Amino acid sequence: IYPFNIIYHSSRLFFLTCLFHCICAPLYKVTLPDFFLAD
């Protein structure tokens, strides 16, 4: 959750976004990264 642009910030943001989509299912359109992470 570190907000600054260090330690793979874009990758961490992408992971947290997918995780948020998993937790909030079925409110968001399901994409490959989302259901792959849920698996």
Full PDB file with SEQRES, HELIX, SHEET, SSBOND, CRYST1, ORIGX, SCALE, CONECT and MASTER records, all heavy atoms in Angstrom:
SEQRES   1 A   39  ILE TYR PRO PHE ASN ILE ILE TYR HIS SER SER ARG LEU          
SEQRES   2 A   39  PHE PHE LEU THR CYS LEU PHE HIS CYS ILE CYS ALA PRO          
SEQRES   3 A   39  LEU TYR LYS VAL THR LEU PRO ASP PHE PHE LEU ALA ASP          
HELIX    1 AA1 HIS A    9  ILE A   23  1                                  15    
HELIX    2 AA2 LEU A   32  ALA A   38  1                                   7    
CRYST1    1.000    1.000    1.000  90.00  90.00  90.00 P 1           1          
ORIGX1      1.000000  0.000000  0.000000        0.00000                         
ORIGX2      0.000000  1.000000  0.000000        0.00000                         
ORIGX3      0.000000  0.000000  1.000000        0.00000                         
SCALE1      1.000000  0.000000  0.000000        0.00000                         
SCALE2      0.000000  1.000000  0.000000        0.00000                         
SCALE3      0.000000  0.000000  1.000000        0.00000                         
ATOM      1  N   ILE A   1       0.821  -1.219   0.000  1.00  0.00           N  
ATOM      2  CA  ILE A   1       0.000   0.000   0.000  1.00  0.00           C  
ATOM      3  C   ILE A   1       0.850   1.263   0.000  1.00  0.00           C  
ATOM      4  O   ILE A   1       0.304   2.362   0.064  1.00  0.00           O  
ATOM      5  CB  ILE A   1      -0.952   0.006   1.211  1.00  0.00           C  
ATOM      6  CG1 ILE A   1      -0.147   0.060   2.525  1.00  0.00           C  
ATOM      7  CG2 ILE A   1      -1.879  -1.199   1.186  1.00  0.00           C  
ATOM      8  CD1 ILE A   1      -1.027   0.161   3.761  1.00  0.00           C  
ATOM      9  N   TYR A   2       2.171   1.120  -0.089  1.00  0.00           N  
ATOM     10  CA  TYR A   2       3.047   2.294  -0.092  1.00  0.00           C  
ATOM     11  C   TYR A   2       2.743   3.137  -1.326  1.00  0.00           C  
ATOM     12  O   TYR A   2       2.840   2.663  -2.464  1.00  0.00           O  
ATOM     13  CB  TYR A   2       4.500   1.846  -0.089  1.00  0.00           C  
ATOM     14  CG  TYR A   2       5.467   2.928   0.344  1.00  0.00           C  
ATOM     15  CD1 TYR A   2       5.478   3.395   1.656  1.00  0.00           C  
ATOM     16  CD2 TYR A   2       6.378   3.474  -0.557  1.00  0.00           C  
ATOM     17  CE1 TYR A   2       6.363   4.372   2.048  1.00  0.00           C  
ATOM     18  CE2 TYR A   2       7.275   4.455  -0.158  1.00  0.00           C  
ATOM     19  CZ  TYR A   2       7.261   4.898   1.154  1.00  0.00           C  
ATOM     20  OH  TYR A   2       8.143   5.872   1.551  1.00  0.00           O  
ATOM     21  N   PRO A   3       2.341   4.395  -1.163  1.00  0.00           N  
ATOM     22  CA  PRO A   3       1.810   5.171  -2.293  1.00  0.00           C  
ATOM     23  C   PRO A   3       2.859   5.748  -3.234  1.00  0.00           C  
ATOM     24  O   PRO A   3       2.515   6.163  -4.347  1.00  0.00           O  
ATOM     25  CB  PRO A   3       1.031   6.287  -1.593  1.00  0.00           C  
ATOM     26  CG  PRO A   3       1.748   6.493  -0.294  1.00  0.00           C  
ATOM     27  CD  PRO A   3       2.250   5.132   0.118  1.00  0.00           C  
ATOM     28  N   PHE A   4       4.115   5.815  -2.810  1.00  0.00           N  
ATOM     29  CA  PHE A   4       5.110   6.494  -3.626  1.00  0.00           C  
ATOM     30  C   PHE A   4       5.651   5.599  -4.733  1.00  0.00           C  
ATOM     31  O   PHE A   4       5.586   4.368  -4.661  1.00  0.00           O  
ATOM     32  CB  PHE A   4       6.250   7.008  -2.741  1.00  0.00           C  
ATOM     33  CG  PHE A   4       5.792   7.993  -1.697  1.00  0.00           C  
ATOM     34  CD1 PHE A   4       5.652   7.607  -0.367  1.00  0.00           C  
ATOM     35  CD2 PHE A   4       5.470   9.299  -2.048  1.00  0.00           C  
ATOM     36  CE1 PHE A   4       5.224   8.506   0.588  1.00  0.00           C  
ATOM     37  CE2 PHE A   4       5.038  10.204  -1.102  1.00  0.00           C  
ATOM     38  CZ  PHE A   4       4.906   9.811   0.229  1.00  0.00           C  
ATOM     39  N   ASN A   5       6.217   6.234  -5.753  1.00  0.00           N  
ATOM     40  CA  ASN A   5       6.633   5.533  -6.964  1.00  0.00           C  
ATOM     41  C   ASN A   5       7.995   4.863  -6.779  1.00  0.00           C  
ATOM     42  O   ASN A   5       8.985   5.226  -7.421  1.00  0.00           O  
ATOM     43  CB  ASN A   5       6.672   6.513  -8.146  1.00  0.00           C  
ATOM     44  CG  ASN A   5       6.858   5.795  -9.466  1.00  0.00           C  
ATOM     45  OD1 ASN A   5       6.632   4.589  -9.561  1.00  0.00           O  
ATOM     46  ND2 ASN A   5       7.285   6.521 -10.478  1.00  0.00           N  
ATOM     47  N   ILE A   6       8.047   3.870  -5.910  1.00  0.00           N  
ATOM     48  CA  ILE A   6       9.240   3.052  -5.695  1.00  0.00           C  
ATOM     49  C   ILE A   6       8.777   1.614  -5.480  1.00  0.00           C  
ATOM     50  O   ILE A   6       7.602   1.350  -5.256  1.00  0.00           O  
ATOM     51  CB  ILE A   6      10.065   3.526  -4.476  1.00  0.00           C  
ATOM     52  CG1 ILE A   6       9.205   3.501  -3.209  1.00  0.00           C  
ATOM     53  CG2 ILE A   6      10.638   4.908  -4.704  1.00  0.00           C  
ATOM     54  CD1 ILE A   6       9.986   3.822  -1.948  1.00  0.00           C  
ATOM     55  N   ILE A   7       9.716   0.702  -5.587  1.00  0.00           N  
ATOM     56  CA  ILE A   7       9.457  -0.731  -5.362  1.00  0.00           C  
ATOM     57  C   ILE A   7       8.306  -1.207  -6.255  1.00  0.00           C  
ATOM     58  O   ILE A   7       7.248  -1.648  -5.788  1.00  0.00           O  
ATOM     59  CB  ILE A   7       9.147  -1.045  -3.875  1.00  0.00           C  
ATOM     60  CG1 ILE A   7      10.133  -0.340  -2.949  1.00  0.00           C  
ATOM     61  CG2 ILE A   7       9.205  -2.547  -3.626  1.00  0.00           C  
ATOM     62  CD1 ILE A   7       9.853  -0.584  -1.478  1.00  0.00           C  
ATOM     63  N   TYR A   8       8.486  -1.097  -7.572  1.00  0.00           N  
ATOM     64  CA  TYR A   8       7.527  -1.609  -8.553  1.00  0.00           C  
ATOM     65  C   TYR A   8       6.120  -1.042  -8.318  1.00  0.00           C  
ATOM     66  O   TYR A   8       5.145  -1.787  -8.151  1.00  0.00           O  
ATOM     67  CB  TYR A   8       7.495  -3.138  -8.514  1.00  0.00           C  
ATOM     68  CG  TYR A   8       8.841  -3.775  -8.721  1.00  0.00           C  
ATOM     69  CD1 TYR A   8       9.561  -4.284  -7.644  1.00  0.00           C  
ATOM     70  CD2 TYR A   8       9.406  -3.868  -9.994  1.00  0.00           C  
ATOM     71  CE1 TYR A   8      10.802  -4.862  -7.823  1.00  0.00           C  
ATOM     72  CE2 TYR A   8      10.641  -4.451 -10.197  1.00  0.00           C  
ATOM     73  CZ  TYR A   8      11.339  -4.951  -9.100  1.00  0.00           C  
ATOM     74  OH  TYR A   8      12.570  -5.528  -9.284  1.00  0.00           O  
ATOM     75  N   HIS A   9       6.030   0.260  -8.312  1.00  0.00           N  
ATOM     76  CA  HIS A   9       4.762   0.919  -8.000  1.00  0.00           C  
ATOM     77  C   HIS A   9       3.653   0.503  -8.962  1.00  0.00           C  
ATOM     78  O   HIS A   9       2.519   0.207  -8.533  1.00  0.00           O  
ATOM     79  CB  HIS A   9       4.954   2.437  -8.040  1.00  0.00           C  
ATOM     80  CG  HIS A   9       3.702   3.207  -7.775  1.00  0.00           C  
ATOM     81  ND1 HIS A   9       2.914   3.711  -8.791  1.00  0.00           N  
ATOM     82  CD2 HIS A   9       3.088   3.539  -6.607  1.00  0.00           C  
ATOM     83  CE1 HIS A   9       1.876   4.333  -8.271  1.00  0.00           C  
ATOM     84  NE2 HIS A   9       1.948   4.252  -6.953  1.00  0.00           N  
ATOM     85  N   SER A  10       3.928   0.468 -10.256  1.00  0.00           N  
ATOM     86  CA  SER A  10       2.895   0.125 -11.240  1.00  0.00           C  
ATOM     87  C   SER A  10       2.415  -1.313 -11.054  1.00  0.00           C  
ATOM     88  O   SER A  10       1.216  -1.600 -11.179  1.00  0.00           O  
ATOM     89  CB  SER A  10       3.428   0.332 -12.657  1.00  0.00           C  
ATOM     90  OG  SER A  10       4.563  -0.478 -12.899  1.00  0.00           O  
ATOM     91  N   SER A  11       3.339  -2.214 -10.746  1.00  0.00           N  
ATOM     92  CA  SER A  11       2.963  -3.615 -10.539  1.00  0.00           C  
ATOM     93  C   SER A  11       2.121  -3.771  -9.277  1.00  0.00           C  
ATOM     94  O   SER A  11       1.141  -4.521  -9.266  1.00  0.00           O  
ATOM     95  CB  SER A  11       4.214  -4.494 -10.438  1.00  0.00           C  
ATOM     96  OG  SER A  11       4.984  -4.425 -11.619  1.00  0.00           O  
ATOM     97  N   ARG A  12       2.501  -3.054  -8.228  1.00  0.00           N  
ATOM     98  CA  ARG A  12       1.727  -3.120  -6.989  1.00  0.00           C  
ATOM     99  C   ARG A  12       0.332  -2.558  -7.194  1.00  0.00           C  
ATOM    100  O   ARG A  12      -0.654  -3.105  -6.694  1.00  0.00           O  
ATOM    101  CB  ARG A  12       2.449  -2.364  -5.872  1.00  0.00           C  
ATOM    102  CG  ARG A  12       3.709  -3.045  -5.383  1.00  0.00           C  
ATOM    103  CD  ARG A  12       4.286  -2.372  -4.157  1.00  0.00           C  
ATOM    104  NE  ARG A  12       4.910  -1.089  -4.462  1.00  0.00           N  
ATOM    105  CZ  ARG A  12       4.434   0.079  -4.087  1.00  0.00           C  
ATOM    106  NH1 ARG A  12       3.297   0.145  -3.396  1.00  0.00           N  
ATOM    107  NH2 ARG A  12       5.064   1.212  -4.396  1.00  0.00           N  
ATOM    108  N   LEU A  13       0.237  -1.468  -7.939  1.00  0.00           N  
ATOM    109  CA  LEU A  13      -1.062  -0.860  -8.214  1.00  0.00           C  
ATOM    110  C   LEU A  13      -1.942  -1.795  -9.039  1.00  0.00           C  
ATOM    111  O   LEU A  13      -3.143  -1.929  -8.783  1.00  0.00           O  
ATOM    112  CB  LEU A  13      -0.875   0.466  -8.942  1.00  0.00           C  
ATOM    113  CG  LEU A  13      -2.149   1.270  -9.241  1.00  0.00           C  
ATOM    114  CD1 LEU A  13      -2.879   1.624  -7.949  1.00  0.00           C  
ATOM    115  CD2 LEU A  13      -1.810   2.528 -10.033  1.00  0.00           C  
ATOM    116  N   PHE A  14      -1.331  -2.450 -10.016  1.00  0.00           N  
ATOM    117  CA  PHE A  14      -2.071  -3.404 -10.848  1.00  0.00           C  
ATOM    118  C   PHE A  14      -2.576  -4.568  -9.997  1.00  0.00           C  
ATOM    119  O   PHE A  14      -3.739  -4.994 -10.128  1.00  0.00           O  
ATOM    120  CB  PHE A  14      -1.176  -3.919 -11.970  1.00  0.00           C  
ATOM    121  CG  PHE A  14      -1.810  -4.964 -12.836  1.00  0.00           C  
ATOM    122  CD1 PHE A  14      -2.747  -4.607 -13.794  1.00  0.00           C  
ATOM    123  CD2 PHE A  14      -1.474  -6.299 -12.692  1.00  0.00           C  
ATOM    124  CE1 PHE A  14      -3.344  -5.571 -14.600  1.00  0.00           C  
ATOM    125  CE2 PHE A  14      -2.063  -7.270 -13.479  1.00  0.00           C  
ATOM    126  CZ  PHE A  14      -3.002  -6.903 -14.438  1.00  0.00           C  
ATOM    127  N   PHE A  15      -1.724  -5.066  -9.106  1.00  0.00           N  
ATOM    128  CA  PHE A  15      -2.116  -6.186  -8.237  1.00  0.00           C  
ATOM    129  C   PHE A  15      -3.258  -5.781  -7.312  1.00  0.00           C  
ATOM    130  O   PHE A  15      -4.245  -6.517  -7.154  1.00  0.00           O  
ATOM    131  CB  PHE A  15      -0.913  -6.660  -7.427  1.00  0.00           C  
ATOM    132  CG  PHE A  15      -1.242  -7.731  -6.427  1.00  0.00           C  
ATOM    133  CD1 PHE A  15      -1.298  -9.058  -6.825  1.00  0.00           C  
ATOM    134  CD2 PHE A  15      -1.485  -7.426  -5.100  1.00  0.00           C  
ATOM    135  CE1 PHE A  15      -1.616 -10.060  -5.912  1.00  0.00           C  
ATOM    136  CE2 PHE A  15      -1.801  -8.405  -4.183  1.00  0.00           C  
ATOM    137  CZ  PHE A  15      -1.860  -9.738  -4.598  1.00  0.00           C  
ATOM    138  N   LEU A  16      -3.141  -4.630  -6.695  1.00  0.00           N  
ATOM    139  CA  LEU A  16      -4.181  -4.166  -5.773  1.00  0.00           C  
ATOM    140  C   LEU A  16      -5.503  -3.912  -6.503  1.00  0.00           C  
ATOM    141  O   LEU A  16      -6.577  -4.155  -5.950  1.00  0.00           O  
ATOM    142  CB  LEU A  16      -3.720  -2.895  -5.058  1.00  0.00           C  
ATOM    143  CG  LEU A  16      -2.565  -3.070  -4.068  1.00  0.00           C  
ATOM    144  CD1 LEU A  16      -2.125  -1.720  -3.515  1.00  0.00           C  
ATOM    145  CD2 LEU A  16      -2.953  -4.007  -2.934  1.00  0.00           C  
ATOM    146  N   THR A  17      -5.421  -3.430  -7.750  1.00  0.00           N  
ATOM    147  CA  THR A  17      -6.635  -3.214  -8.535  1.00  0.00           C  
ATOM    148  C   THR A  17      -7.337  -4.538  -8.815  1.00  0.00           C  
ATOM    149  O   THR A  17      -8.559  -4.651  -8.656  1.00  0.00           O  
ATOM    150  CB  THR A  17      -6.296  -2.513  -9.859  1.00  0.00           C  
ATOM    151  OG1 THR A  17      -5.659  -1.257  -9.591  1.00  0.00           O  
ATOM    152  CG2 THR A  17      -7.558  -2.270 -10.680  1.00  0.00           C  
ATOM    153  N   CYS A  18      -6.557  -5.534  -9.232  1.00  0.00           N  
ATOM    154  CA  CYS A  18      -7.139  -6.859  -9.491  1.00  0.00           C  
ATOM    155  C   CYS A  18      -7.705  -7.472  -8.209  1.00  0.00           C  
ATOM    156  O   CYS A  18      -8.779  -8.087  -8.226  1.00  0.00           O  
ATOM    157  CB  CYS A  18      -6.077  -7.796 -10.088  1.00  0.00           C  
ATOM    158  SG  CYS A  18      -5.522  -7.337 -11.740  1.00  0.00           S  
ATOM    159  N   LEU A  19      -6.988  -7.286  -7.103  1.00  0.00           N  
ATOM    160  CA  LEU A  19      -7.466  -7.811  -5.822  1.00  0.00           C  
ATOM    161  C   LEU A  19      -8.777  -7.142  -5.412  1.00  0.00           C  
ATOM    162  O   LEU A  19      -9.695  -7.805  -4.913  1.00  0.00           O  
ATOM    163  CB  LEU A  19      -6.397  -7.600  -4.746  1.00  0.00           C  
ATOM    164  CG  LEU A  19      -6.702  -8.158  -3.356  1.00  0.00           C  
ATOM    165  CD1 LEU A  19      -6.878  -9.673  -3.414  1.00  0.00           C  
ATOM    166  CD2 LEU A  19      -5.582  -7.797  -2.381  1.00  0.00           C  
ATOM    167  N   PHE A  20      -8.857  -5.847  -5.632  1.00  0.00           N  
ATOM    168  CA  PHE A  20     -10.090  -5.108  -5.322  1.00  0.00           C  
ATOM    169  C   PHE A  20     -11.247  -5.609  -6.177  1.00  0.00           C  
ATOM    170  O   PHE A  20     -12.369  -5.768  -5.689  1.00  0.00           O  
ATOM    171  CB  PHE A  20      -9.870  -3.613  -5.539  1.00  0.00           C  
ATOM    172  CG  PHE A  20     -11.071  -2.770  -5.227  1.00  0.00           C  
ATOM    173  CD1 PHE A  20     -11.423  -2.504  -3.914  1.00  0.00           C  
ATOM    174  CD2 PHE A  20     -11.851  -2.241  -6.248  1.00  0.00           C  
ATOM    175  CE1 PHE A  20     -12.541  -1.716  -3.620  1.00  0.00           C  
ATOM    176  CE2 PHE A  20     -12.963  -1.465  -5.971  1.00  0.00           C  
ATOM    177  CZ  PHE A  20     -13.308  -1.208  -4.645  1.00  0.00           C  
ATOM    178  N   HIS A  21     -10.983  -5.889  -7.451  1.00  0.00           N  
ATOM    179  CA  HIS A  21     -12.017  -6.417  -8.336  1.00  0.00           C  
ATOM    180  C   HIS A  21     -12.479  -7.798  -7.873  1.00  0.00           C  
ATOM    181  O   HIS A  21     -13.668  -8.123  -7.985  1.00  0.00           O  
ATOM    182  CB  HIS A  21     -11.494  -6.498  -9.767  1.00  0.00           C  
ATOM    183  CG  HIS A  21     -11.325  -5.161 -10.411  1.00  0.00           C  
ATOM    184  ND1 HIS A  21     -10.716  -4.992 -11.647  1.00  0.00           N  
ATOM    185  CD2 HIS A  21     -11.670  -3.914  -9.988  1.00  0.00           C  
ATOM    186  CE1 HIS A  21     -10.711  -3.704 -11.956  1.00  0.00           C  
ATOM    187  NE2 HIS A  21     -11.284  -3.042 -10.971  1.00  0.00           N  
ATOM    188  N   CYS A  22     -11.537  -8.602  -7.362  1.00  0.00           N  
ATOM    189  CA  CYS A  22     -11.898  -9.936  -6.870  1.00  0.00           C  
ATOM    190  C   CYS A  22     -12.800  -9.830  -5.643  1.00  0.00           C  
ATOM    191  O   CYS A  22     -13.818 -10.530  -5.550  1.00  0.00           O  
ATOM    192  CB  CYS A  22     -10.641 -10.730  -6.520  1.00  0.00           C  
ATOM    193  SG  CYS A  22      -9.619 -11.194  -7.930  1.00  0.00           S  
ATOM    194  N   ILE A  23     -12.425  -8.968  -4.721  1.00  0.00           N  
ATOM    195  CA  ILE A  23     -13.192  -8.826  -3.481  1.00  0.00           C  
ATOM    196  C   ILE A  23     -14.576  -8.263  -3.760  1.00  0.00           C  
ATOM    197  O   ILE A  23     -15.559  -8.653  -3.116  1.00  0.00           O  
ATOM    198  CB  ILE A  23     -12.435  -7.924  -2.488  1.00  0.00           C  
ATOM    199  CG1 ILE A  23     -11.110  -8.589  -2.083  1.00  0.00           C  
ATOM    200  CG2 ILE A  23     -13.274  -7.642  -1.251  1.00  0.00           C  
ATOM    201  CD1 ILE A  23     -10.231  -7.724  -1.212  1.00  0.00           C  
ATOM    202  N   CYS A  24     -14.665  -7.362  -4.735  1.00  0.00           N  
ATOM    203  CA  CYS A  24     -15.939  -6.699  -5.039  1.00  0.00           C  
ATOM    204  C   CYS A  24     -16.747  -7.428  -6.108  1.00  0.00           C  
ATOM    205  O   CYS A  24     -17.734  -6.873  -6.616  1.00  0.00           O  
ATOM    206  CB  CYS A  24     -15.683  -5.262  -5.485  1.00  0.00           C  
ATOM    207  SG  CYS A  24     -14.997  -4.205  -4.199  1.00  0.00           S  
ATOM    208  N   ALA A  25     -16.312  -8.636  -6.490  1.00  0.00           N  
ATOM    209  CA  ALA A  25     -17.107  -9.399  -7.457  1.00  0.00           C  
ATOM    210  C   ALA A  25     -18.509  -9.597  -6.895  1.00  0.00           C  
ATOM    211  O   ALA A  25     -18.662  -9.840  -5.693  1.00  0.00           O  
ATOM    212  CB  ALA A  25     -16.430 -10.747  -7.719  1.00  0.00           C  
ATOM    213  N   PRO A  26     -19.518  -9.474  -7.744  1.00  0.00           N  
ATOM    214  CA  PRO A  26     -19.527  -9.361  -9.210  1.00  0.00           C  
ATOM    215  C   PRO A  26     -19.782  -7.938  -9.706  1.00  0.00           C  
ATOM    216  O   PRO A  26     -20.444  -7.756 -10.732  1.00  0.00           O  
ATOM    217  CB  PRO A  26     -20.704 -10.253  -9.567  1.00  0.00           C  
ATOM    218  CG  PRO A  26     -21.691 -10.004  -8.454  1.00  0.00           C  
ATOM    219  CD  PRO A  26     -20.863  -9.739  -7.222  1.00  0.00           C  
ATOM    220  N   LEU A  27     -19.303  -6.935  -9.023  1.00  0.00           N  
ATOM    221  CA  LEU A  27     -19.606  -5.553  -9.385  1.00  0.00           C  
ATOM    222  C   LEU A  27     -18.811  -5.071 -10.588  1.00  0.00           C  
ATOM    223  O   LEU A  27     -19.184  -4.089 -11.219  1.00  0.00           O  
ATOM    224  CB  LEU A  27     -19.334  -4.629  -8.188  1.00  0.00           C  
ATOM    225  CG  LEU A  27     -20.134  -4.944  -6.916  1.00  0.00           C  
ATOM    226  CD1 LEU A  27     -19.771  -3.969  -5.807  1.00  0.00           C  
ATOM    227  CD2 LEU A  27     -21.635  -4.915  -7.197  1.00  0.00           C  
ATOM    228  N   TYR A  28     -17.677  -5.736 -10.898  1.00  0.00           N  
ATOM    229  CA  TYR A  28     -16.822  -5.298 -12.003  1.00  0.00           C  
ATOM    230  C   TYR A  28     -16.790  -6.364 -13.098  1.00  0.00           C  
ATOM    231  O   TYR A  28     -16.946  -7.561 -12.826  1.00  0.00           O  
ATOM    232  CB  TYR A  28     -15.395  -5.034 -11.509  1.00  0.00           C  
ATOM    233  CG  TYR A  28     -15.274  -3.825 -10.608  1.00  0.00           C  
ATOM    234  CD1 TYR A  28     -15.429  -3.938  -9.230  1.00  0.00           C  
ATOM    235  CD2 TYR A  28     -15.006  -2.566 -11.140  1.00  0.00           C  
ATOM    236  CE1 TYR A  28     -15.318  -2.837  -8.399  1.00  0.00           C  
ATOM    237  CE2 TYR A  28     -14.903  -1.458 -10.326  1.00  0.00           C  
ATOM    238  CZ  TYR A  28     -15.055  -1.594  -8.960  1.00  0.00           C  
ATOM    239  OH  TYR A  28     -14.953  -0.495  -8.146  1.00  0.00           O  
ATOM    240  N   LYS A  29     -16.591  -5.907 -14.315  1.00  0.00           N  
ATOM    241  CA  LYS A  29     -16.444  -6.819 -15.439  1.00  0.00           C  
ATOM    242  C   LYS A  29     -15.233  -7.720 -15.205  1.00  0.00           C  
ATOM    243  O   LYS A  29     -14.159  -7.236 -14.826  1.00  0.00           O  
ATOM    244  CB  LYS A  29     -16.282  -6.041 -16.745  1.00  0.00           C  
ATOM    245  CG  LYS A  29     -16.150  -6.917 -17.987  1.00  0.00           C  
ATOM    246  CD  LYS A  29     -16.019  -6.069 -19.235  1.00  0.00           C  
ATOM    247  CE  LYS A  29     -15.827  -6.944 -20.474  1.00  0.00           C  
ATOM    248  NZ  LYS A  29     -16.987  -7.837 -20.704  1.00  0.00           N  
ATOM    249  N   VAL A  30     -15.403  -9.002 -15.453  1.00  0.00           N  
ATOM    250  CA  VAL A  30     -14.365  -9.984 -15.143  1.00  0.00           C  
ATOM    251  C   VAL A  30     -13.396 -10.092 -16.320  1.00  0.00           C  
ATOM    252  O   VAL A  30     -13.802 -10.373 -17.450  1.00  0.00           O  
ATOM    253  CB  VAL A  30     -14.978 -11.359 -14.833  1.00  0.00           C  
ATOM    254  CG1 VAL A  30     -13.887 -12.358 -14.460  1.00  0.00           C  
ATOM    255  CG2 VAL A  30     -15.993 -11.240 -13.703  1.00  0.00           C  
ATOM    256  N   THR A  31     -12.121  -9.874 -16.047  1.00  0.00           N  
ATOM    257  CA  THR A  31     -11.075 -10.020 -17.050  1.00  0.00           C  
ATOM    258  C   THR A  31     -10.131 -11.134 -16.639  1.00  0.00           C  
ATOM    259  O   THR A  31     -10.212 -11.651 -15.511  1.00  0.00           O  
ATOM    260  CB  THR A  31     -10.287  -8.711 -17.224  1.00  0.00           C  
ATOM    261  OG1 THR A  31      -9.681  -8.358 -15.966  1.00  0.00           O  
ATOM    262  CG2 THR A  31     -11.207  -7.574 -17.662  1.00  0.00           C  
ATOM    263  N   LEU A  32      -9.227 -11.506 -17.539  1.00  0.00           N  
ATOM    264  CA  LEU A  32      -8.294 -12.600 -17.264  1.00  0.00           C  
ATOM    265  C   LEU A  32      -7.468 -12.371 -15.996  1.00  0.00           C  
ATOM    266  O   LEU A  32      -7.371 -13.277 -15.152  1.00  0.00           O  
ATOM    267  CB  LEU A  32      -7.372 -12.820 -18.473  1.00  0.00           C  
ATOM    268  CG  LEU A  32      -6.242 -13.845 -18.269  1.00  0.00           C  
ATOM    269  CD1 LEU A  32      -6.808 -15.230 -17.982  1.00  0.00           C  
ATOM    270  CD2 LEU A  32      -5.321 -13.885 -19.494  1.00  0.00           C  
ATOM    271  N   PRO A  33      -6.855 -11.197 -15.798  1.00  0.00           N  
ATOM    272  CA  PRO A  33      -6.073 -11.013 -14.554  1.00  0.00           C  
ATOM    273  C   PRO A  33      -6.918 -11.162 -13.296  1.00  0.00           C  
ATOM    274  O   PRO A  33      -6.416 -11.667 -12.278  1.00  0.00           O  
ATOM    275  CB  PRO A  33      -5.534  -9.582 -14.690  1.00  0.00           C  
ATOM    276  CG  PRO A  33      -5.544  -9.295 -16.147  1.00  0.00           C  
ATOM    277  CD  PRO A  33      -6.734 -10.020 -16.682  1.00  0.00           C  
ATOM    278  N   ASP A  34      -8.185 -10.775 -13.360  1.00  0.00           N  
ATOM    279  CA  ASP A  34      -9.038 -10.840 -12.172  1.00  0.00           C  
ATOM    280  C   ASP A  34      -9.336 -12.279 -11.776  1.00  0.00           C  
ATOM    281  O   ASP A  34      -9.131 -12.676 -10.626  1.00  0.00           O  
ATOM    282  CB  ASP A  34     -10.354 -10.087 -12.415  1.00  0.00           C  
ATOM    283  CG  ASP A  34     -10.126  -8.601 -12.635  1.00  0.00           C  
ATOM    284  OD1 ASP A  34      -9.076  -8.090 -12.210  1.00  0.00           O  
ATOM    285  OD2 ASP A  34     -11.005  -7.944 -13.248  1.00  0.00           O  
ATOM    286  N   PHE A  35      -9.829 -13.078 -12.718  1.00  0.00           N  
ATOM    287  CA  PHE A  35     -10.171 -14.451 -12.333  1.00  0.00           C  
ATOM    288  C   PHE A  35      -8.918 -15.320 -12.173  1.00  0.00           C  
ATOM    289  O   PHE A  35      -8.926 -16.300 -11.435  1.00  0.00           O  
ATOM    290  CB  PHE A  35     -11.186 -15.086 -13.299  1.00  0.00           C  
ATOM    291  CG  PHE A  35     -10.679 -15.434 -14.673  1.00  0.00           C  
ATOM    292  CD1 PHE A  35      -9.837 -16.506 -14.892  1.00  0.00           C  
ATOM    293  CD2 PHE A  35     -11.101 -14.699 -15.777  1.00  0.00           C  
ATOM    294  CE1 PHE A  35      -9.400 -16.840 -16.165  1.00  0.00           C  
ATOM    295  CE2 PHE A  35     -10.673 -15.018 -17.055  1.00  0.00           C  
ATOM    296  CZ  PHE A  35      -9.816 -16.101 -17.243  1.00  0.00           C  
ATOM    297  N   PHE A  36      -7.829 -14.937 -12.832  1.00  0.00           N  
ATOM    298  CA  PHE A  36      -6.578 -15.672 -12.638  1.00  0.00           C  
ATOM    299  C   PHE A  36      -6.061 -15.470 -11.210  1.00  0.00           C  
ATOM    300  O   PHE A  36      -5.616 -16.417 -10.553  1.00  0.00           O  
ATOM    301  CB  PHE A  36      -5.540 -15.197 -13.657  1.00  0.00           C  
ATOM    302  CG  PHE A  36      -4.332 -16.078 -13.739  1.00  0.00           C  
ATOM    303  CD1 PHE A  36      -4.379 -17.279 -14.425  1.00  0.00           C  
ATOM    304  CD2 PHE A  36      -3.142 -15.713 -13.135  1.00  0.00           C  
ATOM    305  CE1 PHE A  36      -3.258 -18.099 -14.508  1.00  0.00           C  
ATOM    306  CE2 PHE A  36      -2.033 -16.520 -13.208  1.00  0.00           C  
ATOM    307  CZ  PHE A  36      -2.078 -17.721 -13.896  1.00  0.00           C  
ATOM    308  N   LEU A  37      -6.138 -14.232 -10.718  1.00  0.00           N  
ATOM    309  CA  LEU A  37      -5.727 -13.954  -9.341  1.00  0.00           C  
ATOM    310  C   LEU A  37      -6.648 -14.656  -8.354  1.00  0.00           C  
ATOM    311  O   LEU A  37      -6.178 -15.210  -7.345  1.00  0.00           O  
ATOM    312  CB  LEU A  37      -5.732 -12.449  -9.085  1.00  0.00           C  
ATOM    313  CG  LEU A  37      -5.421 -11.999  -7.654  1.00  0.00           C  
ATOM    314  CD1 LEU A  37      -4.044 -12.491  -7.211  1.00  0.00           C  
ATOM    315  CD2 LEU A  37      -5.521 -10.493  -7.513  1.00  0.00           C  
ATOM    316  N   ALA A  38      -7.945 -14.653  -8.606  1.00  0.00           N  
ATOM    317  CA  ALA A  38      -8.885 -15.322  -7.703  1.00  0.00           C  
ATOM    318  C   ALA A  38      -8.589 -16.814  -7.619  1.00  0.00           C  
ATOM    319  O   ALA A  38      -8.703 -17.420  -6.543  1.00  0.00           O  
ATOM    320  CB  ALA A  38     -10.320 -15.089  -8.173  1.00  0.00           C  
ATOM    321  N   ASP A  39      -8.197 -17.419  -8.726  1.00  0.00           N  
ATOM    322  CA  ASP A  39      -7.817 -18.834  -8.705  1.00  0.00           C  
ATOM    323  C   ASP A  39      -6.585 -19.055  -7.833  1.00  0.00           C  
ATOM    324  O   ASP A  39      -6.479 -20.075  -7.139  1.00  0.00           O  
ATOM    325  CB  ASP A  39      -7.558 -19.343 -10.127  1.00  0.00           C  
ATOM    326  CG  ASP A  39      -8.840 -19.736 -10.841  1.00  0.00           C  
ATOM    327  OD1 ASP A  39      -9.735 -20.275 -10.173  1.00  0.00           O  
ATOM    328  OD2 ASP A  39      -8.941 -19.504 -12.055  1.00  0.00           O  
TER     329      ASP A  39                                                      
MASTER        0    0    0    2    0    0    0    6  328    1    0    3          
END                                                                             
